[in-house]
Amino acid sequence: MVVHTDINAAMLGVGRDRLLDAGLVLPTLVCDGEK
């Protein structure tokens, strides 16, 4: 399992769409690396 995270929702949205285009559905969530 690979969990894809970022604190920035805009960047995460671009990444999620790219992963879906590649046929990958990964857990994707906005989170703070400090918490």
Full PDB file with SEQRES, HELIX, SHEET, SSBOND, CRYST1, ORIGX, SCALE, CONECT and MASTER records, all heavy atoms in Angstrom:
SEQRES   1 A   35  MET VAL VAL HIS THR ASP ILE ASN ALA ALA MET LEU GLY          
SEQRES   2 A   35  VAL GLY ARG ASP ARG LEU LEU ASP ALA GLY LEU VAL LEU          
SEQRES   3 A   35  PRO THR LEU VAL CYS ASP GLY GLU LYS                          
HELIX    1 AA1 ALA A    9  ASP A   21  1                                  13    
SHEET    1 AA1 2 HIS A   4  ASP A   6  0                                        
SHEET    2 AA1 2 THR A  28  VAL A  30  1                                        
CRYST1    1.000    1.000    1.000  90.00  90.00  90.00 P 1           1          
ORIGX1      1.000000  0.000000  0.000000        0.00000                         
ORIGX2      0.000000  1.000000  0.000000        0.00000                         
ORIGX3      0.000000  0.000000  1.000000        0.00000                         
SCALE1      1.000000  0.000000  0.000000        0.00000                         
SCALE2      0.000000  1.000000  0.000000        0.00000                         
SCALE3      0.000000  0.000000  1.000000        0.00000                         
ATOM      1  N   MET A   1       0.844  -1.190   0.000  1.00  0.00           N  
ATOM      2  CA  MET A   1       0.000   0.000   0.000  1.00  0.00           C  
ATOM      3  C   MET A   1       0.882   1.243   0.000  1.00  0.00           C  
ATOM      4  O   MET A   1       1.848   1.325   0.759  1.00  0.00           O  
ATOM      5  CB  MET A   1      -0.921   0.034   1.220  1.00  0.00           C  
ATOM      6  CG  MET A   1      -1.858   1.243   1.234  1.00  0.00           C  
ATOM      7  SD  MET A   1      -2.966   1.256   2.667  1.00  0.00           S  
ATOM      8  CE  MET A   1      -1.805   1.657   3.975  1.00  0.00           C  
ATOM      9  N   VAL A   2       0.547   2.192  -0.846  1.00  0.00           N  
ATOM     10  CA  VAL A   2       1.229   3.485  -0.874  1.00  0.00           C  
ATOM     11  C   VAL A   2       0.202   4.559  -0.550  1.00  0.00           C  
ATOM     12  O   VAL A   2      -0.849   4.646  -1.198  1.00  0.00           O  
ATOM     13  CB  VAL A   2       1.868   3.754  -2.247  1.00  0.00           C  
ATOM     14  CG1 VAL A   2       2.513   5.144  -2.271  1.00  0.00           C  
ATOM     15  CG2 VAL A   2       2.905   2.681  -2.576  1.00  0.00           C  
ATOM     16  N   VAL A   3       0.487   5.368   0.466  1.00  0.00           N  
ATOM     17  CA  VAL A   3      -0.395   6.458   0.860  1.00  0.00           C  
ATOM     18  C   VAL A   3       0.196   7.764   0.325  1.00  0.00           C  
ATOM     19  O   VAL A   3       1.342   8.111   0.636  1.00  0.00           O  
ATOM     20  CB  VAL A   3      -0.559   6.527   2.387  1.00  0.00           C  
ATOM     21  CG1 VAL A   3      -1.520   7.655   2.766  1.00  0.00           C  
ATOM     22  CG2 VAL A   3      -1.066   5.198   2.932  1.00  0.00           C  
ATOM     23  N   HIS A   4      -0.594   8.461  -0.475  1.00  0.00           N  
ATOM     24  CA  HIS A   4      -0.164   9.673  -1.171  1.00  0.00           C  
ATOM     25  C   HIS A   4      -0.732  10.886  -0.428  1.00  0.00           C  
ATOM     26  O   HIS A   4      -1.953  11.047  -0.340  1.00  0.00           O  
ATOM     27  CB  HIS A   4      -0.694   9.609  -2.611  1.00  0.00           C  
ATOM     28  CG  HIS A   4      -0.488  10.836  -3.419  1.00  0.00           C  
ATOM     29  ND1 HIS A   4      -1.485  11.396  -4.199  1.00  0.00           N  
ATOM     30  CD2 HIS A   4       0.599  11.624  -3.592  1.00  0.00           C  
ATOM     31  CE1 HIS A   4      -1.034  12.455  -4.811  1.00  0.00           C  
ATOM     32  NE2 HIS A   4       0.233  12.617  -4.460  1.00  0.00           N  
ATOM     33  N   THR A   5       0.158  11.713   0.134  1.00  0.00           N  
ATOM     34  CA  THR A   5      -0.301  12.848   0.949  1.00  0.00           C  
ATOM     35  C   THR A   5       0.372  14.147   0.519  1.00  0.00           C  
ATOM     36  O   THR A   5       1.448  14.153  -0.080  1.00  0.00           O  
ATOM     37  CB  THR A   5      -0.002  12.625   2.444  1.00  0.00           C  
ATOM     38  OG1 THR A   5       1.403  12.815   2.698  1.00  0.00           O  
ATOM     39  CG2 THR A   5      -0.413  11.240   2.897  1.00  0.00           C  
ATOM     40  N   ASP A   6      -0.285  15.240   0.858  1.00  0.00           N  
ATOM     41  CA  ASP A   6       0.294  16.569   0.658  1.00  0.00           C  
ATOM     42  C   ASP A   6      -0.510  17.532   1.516  1.00  0.00           C  
ATOM     43  O   ASP A   6      -1.700  17.304   1.774  1.00  0.00           O  
ATOM     44  CB  ASP A   6       0.230  16.990  -0.813  1.00  0.00           C  
ATOM     45  CG  ASP A   6       1.243  18.082  -1.148  1.00  0.00           C  
ATOM     46  OD1 ASP A   6       1.067  19.231  -0.674  1.00  0.00           O  
ATOM     47  OD2 ASP A   6       2.205  17.799  -1.870  1.00  0.00           O  
ATOM     48  N   ILE A   7       0.114  18.617   1.949  1.00  0.00           N  
ATOM     49  CA  ILE A   7      -0.614  19.623   2.722  1.00  0.00           C  
ATOM     50  C   ILE A   7      -1.431  20.532   1.810  1.00  0.00           C  
ATOM     51  O   ILE A   7      -2.335  21.232   2.256  1.00  0.00           O  
ATOM     52  CB  ILE A   7       0.359  20.464   3.592  1.00  0.00           C  
ATOM     53  CG1 ILE A   7      -0.412  21.194   4.700  1.00  0.00           C  
ATOM     54  CG2 ILE A   7       1.172  21.420   2.721  1.00  0.00           C  
ATOM     55  CD1 ILE A   7       0.486  21.871   5.717  1.00  0.00           C  
ATOM     56  N   ASN A   8      -1.121  20.495   0.507  1.00  0.00           N  
ATOM     57  CA  ASN A   8      -1.770  21.385  -0.446  1.00  0.00           C  
ATOM     58  C   ASN A   8      -2.795  20.626  -1.283  1.00  0.00           C  
ATOM     59  O   ASN A   8      -2.439  19.715  -2.040  1.00  0.00           O  
ATOM     60  CB  ASN A   8      -0.709  22.036  -1.346  1.00  0.00           C  
ATOM     61  CG  ASN A   8      -1.313  23.026  -2.310  1.00  0.00           C  
ATOM     62  OD1 ASN A   8      -1.716  22.656  -3.405  1.00  0.00           O  
ATOM     63  ND2 ASN A   8      -1.392  24.277  -1.910  1.00  0.00           N  
ATOM     64  N   ALA A   9      -4.063  21.007  -1.161  1.00  0.00           N  
ATOM     65  CA  ALA A   9      -5.135  20.286  -1.845  1.00  0.00           C  
ATOM     66  C   ALA A   9      -5.039  20.403  -3.362  1.00  0.00           C  
ATOM     67  O   ALA A   9      -5.365  19.447  -4.084  1.00  0.00           O  
ATOM     68  CB  ALA A   9      -6.493  20.804  -1.367  1.00  0.00           C  
ATOM     69  N   ALA A  10      -4.583  21.554  -3.864  1.00  0.00           N  
ATOM     70  CA  ALA A  10      -4.478  21.733  -5.322  1.00  0.00           C  
ATOM     71  C   ALA A  10      -3.442  20.785  -5.905  1.00  0.00           C  
ATOM     72  O   ALA A  10      -3.677  20.134  -6.937  1.00  0.00           O  
ATOM     73  CB  ALA A  10      -4.126  23.182  -5.652  1.00  0.00           C  
ATOM     74  N   MET A  11      -2.280  20.694  -5.260  1.00  0.00           N  
ATOM     75  CA  MET A  11      -1.248  19.778  -5.730  1.00  0.00           C  
ATOM     76  C   MET A  11      -1.726  18.331  -5.627  1.00  0.00           C  
ATOM     77  O   MET A  11      -1.506  17.519  -6.528  1.00  0.00           O  
ATOM     78  CB  MET A  11       0.027  19.955  -4.898  1.00  0.00           C  
ATOM     79  CG  MET A  11       0.747  21.268  -5.139  1.00  0.00           C  
ATOM     80  SD  MET A  11       1.557  21.311  -6.744  1.00  0.00           S  
ATOM     81  CE  MET A  11       2.836  20.111  -6.491  1.00  0.00           C  
ATOM     82  N   LEU A  12      -2.392  18.009  -4.526  1.00  0.00           N  
ATOM     83  CA  LEU A  12      -2.861  16.649  -4.316  1.00  0.00           C  
ATOM     84  C   LEU A  12      -3.901  16.266  -5.370  1.00  0.00           C  
ATOM     85  O   LEU A  12      -3.928  15.126  -5.847  1.00  0.00           O  
ATOM     86  CB  LEU A  12      -3.451  16.524  -2.917  1.00  0.00           C  
ATOM     87  CG  LEU A  12      -3.545  15.127  -2.325  1.00  0.00           C  
ATOM     88  CD1 LEU A  12      -2.166  14.516  -2.145  1.00  0.00           C  
ATOM     89  CD2 LEU A  12      -4.279  15.171  -0.988  1.00  0.00           C  
ATOM     90  N   GLY A  13      -4.740  17.232  -5.748  1.00  0.00           N  
ATOM     91  CA  GLY A  13      -5.738  16.960  -6.778  1.00  0.00           C  
ATOM     92  C   GLY A  13      -5.114  16.645  -8.121  1.00  0.00           C  
ATOM     93  O   GLY A  13      -5.550  15.719  -8.824  1.00  0.00           O  
ATOM     94  N   VAL A  14      -4.079  17.388  -8.475  1.00  0.00           N  
ATOM     95  CA  VAL A  14      -3.363  17.116  -9.728  1.00  0.00           C  
ATOM     96  C   VAL A  14      -2.744  15.721  -9.670  1.00  0.00           C  
ATOM     97  O   VAL A  14      -2.824  14.941 -10.623  1.00  0.00           O  
ATOM     98  CB  VAL A  14      -2.278  18.182  -9.988  1.00  0.00           C  
ATOM     99  CG1 VAL A  14      -1.420  17.800 -11.188  1.00  0.00           C  
ATOM    100  CG2 VAL A  14      -2.916  19.558 -10.217  1.00  0.00           C  
ATOM    101  N   GLY A  15      -2.135  15.394  -8.529  1.00  0.00           N  
ATOM    102  CA  GLY A  15      -1.513  14.081  -8.380  1.00  0.00           C  
ATOM    103  C   GLY A  15      -2.516  12.949  -8.419  1.00  0.00           C  
ATOM    104  O   GLY A  15      -2.286  11.927  -9.072  1.00  0.00           O  
ATOM    105  N   ARG A  16      -3.648  13.126  -7.743  1.00  0.00           N  
ATOM    106  CA  ARG A  16      -4.689  12.089  -7.747  1.00  0.00           C  
ATOM    107  C   ARG A  16      -5.176  11.818  -9.161  1.00  0.00           C  
ATOM    108  O   ARG A  16      -5.346  10.662  -9.567  1.00  0.00           O  
ATOM    109  CB  ARG A  16      -5.855  12.535  -6.880  1.00  0.00           C  
ATOM    110  CG  ARG A  16      -7.038  11.567  -6.835  1.00  0.00           C  
ATOM    111  CD  ARG A  16      -8.299  12.289  -6.411  1.00  0.00           C  
ATOM    112  NE  ARG A  16      -8.583  13.388  -7.312  1.00  0.00           N  
ATOM    113  CZ  ARG A  16      -9.182  14.531  -6.932  1.00  0.00           C  
ATOM    114  NH1 ARG A  16      -9.546  14.701  -5.677  1.00  0.00           N  
ATOM    115  NH2 ARG A  16      -9.421  15.479  -7.812  1.00  0.00           N  
ATOM    116  N   ASP A  17      -5.393  12.885  -9.929  1.00  0.00           N  
ATOM    117  CA  ASP A  17      -5.866  12.715 -11.309  1.00  0.00           C  
ATOM    118  C   ASP A  17      -4.829  11.979 -12.156  1.00  0.00           C  
ATOM    119  O   ASP A  17      -5.176  11.122 -12.985  1.00  0.00           O  
ATOM    120  CB  ASP A  17      -6.192  14.072 -11.932  1.00  0.00           C  
ATOM    121  CG  ASP A  17      -7.415  14.718 -11.291  1.00  0.00           C  
ATOM    122  OD1 ASP A  17      -8.155  14.008 -10.577  1.00  0.00           O  
ATOM    123  OD2 ASP A  17      -7.627  15.928 -11.502  1.00  0.00           O  
ATOM    124  N   ARG A  18      -3.550  12.302 -11.960  1.00  0.00           N  
ATOM    125  CA  ARG A  18      -2.489  11.618 -12.701  1.00  0.00           C  
ATOM    126  C   ARG A  18      -2.438  10.136 -12.342  1.00  0.00           C  
ATOM    127  O   ARG A  18      -2.250   9.280 -13.217  1.00  0.00           O  
ATOM    128  CB  ARG A  18      -1.136  12.257 -12.399  1.00  0.00           C  
ATOM    129  CG  ARG A  18      -0.871  13.553 -13.136  1.00  0.00           C  
ATOM    130  CD  ARG A  18       0.567  13.987 -12.951  1.00  0.00           C  
ATOM    131  NE  ARG A  18       1.507  12.974 -13.415  1.00  0.00           N  
ATOM    132  CZ  ARG A  18       2.797  12.963 -13.144  1.00  0.00           C  
ATOM    133  NH1 ARG A  18       3.319  13.915 -12.398  1.00  0.00           N  
ATOM    134  NH2 ARG A  18       3.595  12.027 -13.616  1.00  0.00           N  
ATOM    135  N   LEU A  19      -2.585   9.835 -11.065  1.00  0.00           N  
ATOM    136  CA  LEU A  19      -2.556   8.445 -10.633  1.00  0.00           C  
ATOM    137  C   LEU A  19      -3.747   7.669 -11.202  1.00  0.00           C  
ATOM    138  O   LEU A  19      -3.595   6.530 -11.651  1.00  0.00           O  
ATOM    139  CB  LEU A  19      -2.557   8.377  -9.102  1.00  0.00           C  
ATOM    140  CG  LEU A  19      -1.267   8.862  -8.426  1.00  0.00           C  
ATOM    141  CD1 LEU A  19      -1.490   9.048  -6.928  1.00  0.00           C  
ATOM    142  CD2 LEU A  19      -0.122   7.890  -8.669  1.00  0.00           C  
ATOM    143  N   LEU A  20      -4.912   8.290 -11.203  1.00  0.00           N  
ATOM    144  CA  LEU A  20      -6.085   7.635 -11.785  1.00  0.00           C  
ATOM    145  C   LEU A  20      -5.900   7.398 -13.279  1.00  0.00           C  
ATOM    146  O   LEU A  20      -6.273   6.341 -13.797  1.00  0.00           O  
ATOM    147  CB  LEU A  20      -7.335   8.485 -11.529  1.00  0.00           C  
ATOM    148  CG  LEU A  20      -7.832   8.531 -10.077  1.00  0.00           C  
ATOM    149  CD1 LEU A  20      -8.957   9.542  -9.937  1.00  0.00           C  
ATOM    150  CD2 LEU A  20      -8.280   7.149  -9.609  1.00  0.00           C  
ATOM    151  N   ASP A  21      -5.303   8.381 -13.956  1.00  0.00           N  
ATOM    152  CA  ASP A  21      -5.035   8.212 -15.387  1.00  0.00           C  
ATOM    153  C   ASP A  21      -4.090   7.043 -15.645  1.00  0.00           C  
ATOM    154  O   ASP A  21      -4.133   6.406 -16.707  1.00  0.00           O  
ATOM    155  CB  ASP A  21      -4.444   9.500 -15.974  1.00  0.00           C  
ATOM    156  CG  ASP A  21      -5.465  10.623 -16.082  1.00  0.00           C  
ATOM    157  OD1 ASP A  21      -6.674  10.338 -16.001  1.00  0.00           O  
ATOM    158  OD2 ASP A  21      -5.052  11.788 -16.236  1.00  0.00           O  
ATOM    159  N   ALA A  22      -3.225   6.762 -14.667  1.00  0.00           N  
ATOM    160  CA  ALA A  22      -2.282   5.650 -14.783  1.00  0.00           C  
ATOM    161  C   ALA A  22      -2.882   4.332 -14.298  1.00  0.00           C  
ATOM    162  O   ALA A  22      -2.193   3.308 -14.260  1.00  0.00           O  
ATOM    163  CB  ALA A  22      -1.009   5.956 -13.994  1.00  0.00           C  
ATOM    164  N   GLY A  23      -4.164   4.371 -13.914  1.00  0.00           N  
ATOM    165  CA  GLY A  23      -4.828   3.155 -13.465  1.00  0.00           C  
ATOM    166  C   GLY A  23      -4.567   2.802 -12.014  1.00  0.00           C  
ATOM    167  O   GLY A  23      -4.770   1.657 -11.614  1.00  0.00           O  
ATOM    168  N   LEU A  24      -4.129   3.791 -11.221  1.00  0.00           N  
ATOM    169  CA  LEU A  24      -3.818   3.543  -9.817  1.00  0.00           C  
ATOM    170  C   LEU A  24      -4.804   4.277  -8.915  1.00  0.00           C  
ATOM    171  O   LEU A  24      -5.010   5.483  -9.061  1.00  0.00           O  
ATOM    172  CB  LEU A  24      -2.401   4.013  -9.491  1.00  0.00           C  
ATOM    173  CG  LEU A  24      -1.245   3.202 -10.071  1.00  0.00           C  
ATOM    174  CD1 LEU A  24       0.065   3.936  -9.837  1.00  0.00           C  
ATOM    175  CD2 LEU A  24      -1.192   1.813  -9.439  1.00  0.00           C  
ATOM    176  N   VAL A  25      -5.385   3.561  -7.988  1.00  0.00           N  
ATOM    177  CA  VAL A  25      -6.249   4.161  -6.979  1.00  0.00           C  
ATOM    178  C   VAL A  25      -5.537   4.006  -5.636  1.00  0.00           C  
ATOM    179  O   VAL A  25      -5.486   2.906  -5.073  1.00  0.00           O  
ATOM    180  CB  VAL A  25      -7.634   3.482  -6.939  1.00  0.00           C  
ATOM    181  CG1 VAL A  25      -8.507   4.150  -5.872  1.00  0.00           C  
ATOM    182  CG2 VAL A  25      -8.306   3.546  -8.298  1.00  0.00           C  
ATOM    183  N   LEU A  26      -4.946   5.088  -5.164  1.00  0.00           N  
ATOM    184  CA  LEU A  26      -4.186   5.050  -3.919  1.00  0.00           C  
ATOM    185  C   LEU A  26      -4.890   5.871  -2.846  1.00  0.00           C  
ATOM    186  O   LEU A  26      -5.560   6.861  -3.166  1.00  0.00           O  
ATOM    187  CB  LEU A  26      -2.780   5.634  -4.128  1.00  0.00           C  
ATOM    188  CG  LEU A  26      -1.908   5.014  -5.209  1.00  0.00           C  
ATOM    189  CD1 LEU A  26      -0.535   5.688  -5.213  1.00  0.00           C  
ATOM    190  CD2 LEU A  26      -1.763   3.518  -5.017  1.00  0.00           C  
ATOM    191  N   PRO A  27      -4.743   5.491  -1.572  1.00  0.00           N  
ATOM    192  CA  PRO A  27      -5.231   6.372  -0.505  1.00  0.00           C  
ATOM    193  C   PRO A  27      -4.559   7.735  -0.640  1.00  0.00           C  
ATOM    194  O   PRO A  27      -3.330   7.825  -0.697  1.00  0.00           O  
ATOM    195  CB  PRO A  27      -4.786   5.658   0.776  1.00  0.00           C  
ATOM    196  CG  PRO A  27      -4.545   4.245   0.369  1.00  0.00           C  
ATOM    197  CD  PRO A  27      -4.090   4.286  -1.062  1.00  0.00           C  
ATOM    198  N   THR A  28      -5.355   8.780  -0.741  1.00  0.00           N  
ATOM    199  CA  THR A  28      -4.849  10.127  -1.002  1.00  0.00           C  
ATOM    200  C   THR A  28      -5.491  11.079  -0.010  1.00  0.00           C  
ATOM    201  O   THR A  28      -6.715  11.169   0.055  1.00  0.00           O  
ATOM    202  CB  THR A  28      -5.188  10.570  -2.444  1.00  0.00           C  
ATOM    203  OG1 THR A  28      -4.570   9.660  -3.374  1.00  0.00           O  
ATOM    204  CG2 THR A  28      -4.686  11.965  -2.727  1.00  0.00           C  
ATOM    205  N   LEU A  29      -4.675  11.787   0.772  1.00  0.00           N  
ATOM    206  CA  LEU A  29      -5.271  12.685   1.753  1.00  0.00           C  
ATOM    207  C   LEU A  29      -4.394  13.900   2.028  1.00  0.00           C  
ATOM    208  O   LEU A  29      -3.165  13.841   1.904  1.00  0.00           O  
ATOM    209  CB  LEU A  29      -5.551  11.954   3.061  1.00  0.00           C  
ATOM    210  CG  LEU A  29      -4.387  11.505   3.936  1.00  0.00           C  
ATOM    211  CD1 LEU A  29      -4.827  11.414   5.389  1.00  0.00           C  
ATOM    212  CD2 LEU A  29      -3.863  10.152   3.485  1.00  0.00           C  
ATOM    213  N   VAL A  30      -5.083  14.984   2.368  1.00  0.00           N  
ATOM    214  CA  VAL A  30      -4.404  16.206   2.781  1.00  0.00           C  
ATOM    215  C   VAL A  30      -3.948  16.021   4.224  1.00  0.00           C  
ATOM    216  O   VAL A  30      -4.761  15.702   5.100  1.00  0.00           O  
ATOM    217  CB  VAL A  30      -5.339  17.423   2.679  1.00  0.00           C  
ATOM    218  CG1 VAL A  30      -4.664  18.670   3.242  1.00  0.00           C  
ATOM    219  CG2 VAL A  30      -5.761  17.661   1.237  1.00  0.00           C  
ATOM    220  N   CYS A  31      -2.659  16.183   4.465  1.00  0.00           N  
ATOM    221  CA  CYS A  31      -2.192  16.123   5.851  1.00  0.00           C  
ATOM    222  C   CYS A  31      -0.908  16.910   6.009  1.00  0.00           C  
ATOM    223  O   CYS A  31      -0.170  17.147   5.051  1.00  0.00           O  
ATOM    224  CB  CYS A  31      -2.040  14.687   6.335  1.00  0.00           C  
ATOM    225  SG  CYS A  31      -0.561  13.828   5.792  1.00  0.00           S  
ATOM    226  N   ASP A  32      -0.661  17.323   7.234  1.00  0.00           N  
ATOM    227  CA  ASP A  32       0.498  18.128   7.614  1.00  0.00           C  
ATOM    228  C   ASP A  32       1.627  17.191   8.015  1.00  0.00           C  
ATOM    229  O   ASP A  32       1.459  16.345   8.906  1.00  0.00           O  
ATOM    230  CB  ASP A  32       0.092  19.036   8.779  1.00  0.00           C  
ATOM    231  CG  ASP A  32       1.189  20.000   9.202  1.00  0.00           C  
ATOM    232  OD1 ASP A  32       2.349  19.835   8.771  1.00  0.00           O  
ATOM    233  OD2 ASP A  32       0.886  20.924   9.972  1.00  0.00           O  
ATOM    234  N   GLY A  33       2.783  17.339   7.373  1.00  0.00           N  
ATOM    235  CA  GLY A  33       3.925  16.491   7.685  1.00  0.00           C  
ATOM    236  C   GLY A  33       4.415  16.627   9.111  1.00  0.00           C  
ATOM    237  O   GLY A  33       5.118  15.741   9.620  1.00  0.00           O  
ATOM    238  N   GLU A  34       4.053  17.721   9.780  1.00  0.00           N  
ATOM    239  CA  GLU A  34       4.462  17.915  11.163  1.00  0.00           C  
ATOM    240  C   GLU A  34       3.506  17.258  12.154  1.00  0.00           C  
ATOM    241  O   GLU A  34       3.806  17.169  13.348  1.00  0.00           O  
ATOM    242  CB  GLU A  34       4.575  19.412  11.470  1.00  0.00           C  
ATOM    243  CG  GLU A  34       5.629  20.120  10.629  1.00  0.00           C  
ATOM    244  CD  GLU A  34       5.677  21.618  10.890  1.00  0.00           C  
ATOM    245  OE1 GLU A  34       5.155  22.061  11.940  1.00  0.00           O  
ATOM    246  OE2 GLU A  34       6.238  22.350  10.052  1.00  0.00           O  
ATOM    247  N   LYS A  35       2.338  16.812  11.663  1.00  0.00           N  
ATOM    248  CA  LYS A  35       1.323  16.176  12.521  1.00  0.00           C  
ATOM    249  C   LYS A  35       0.691  15.032  11.731  1.00  0.00           C  
ATOM    250  O   LYS A  35      -0.463  15.147  11.287  1.00  0.00           O  
ATOM    251  CB  LYS A  35       0.268  17.194  12.950  1.00  0.00           C  
ATOM    252  CG  LYS A  35       0.814  18.393  13.712  1.00  0.00           C  
ATOM    253  CD  LYS A  35      -0.273  19.427  13.943  1.00  0.00           C  
ATOM    254  CE  LYS A  35       0.282  20.664  14.626  1.00  0.00           C  
ATOM    255  NZ  LYS A  35      -0.766  21.716  14.800  1.00  0.00           N  
TER     256      LYS A  35                                                      
MASTER        0    0    0    1    2    0    0    6  255    1    0    3          
END                                                                             
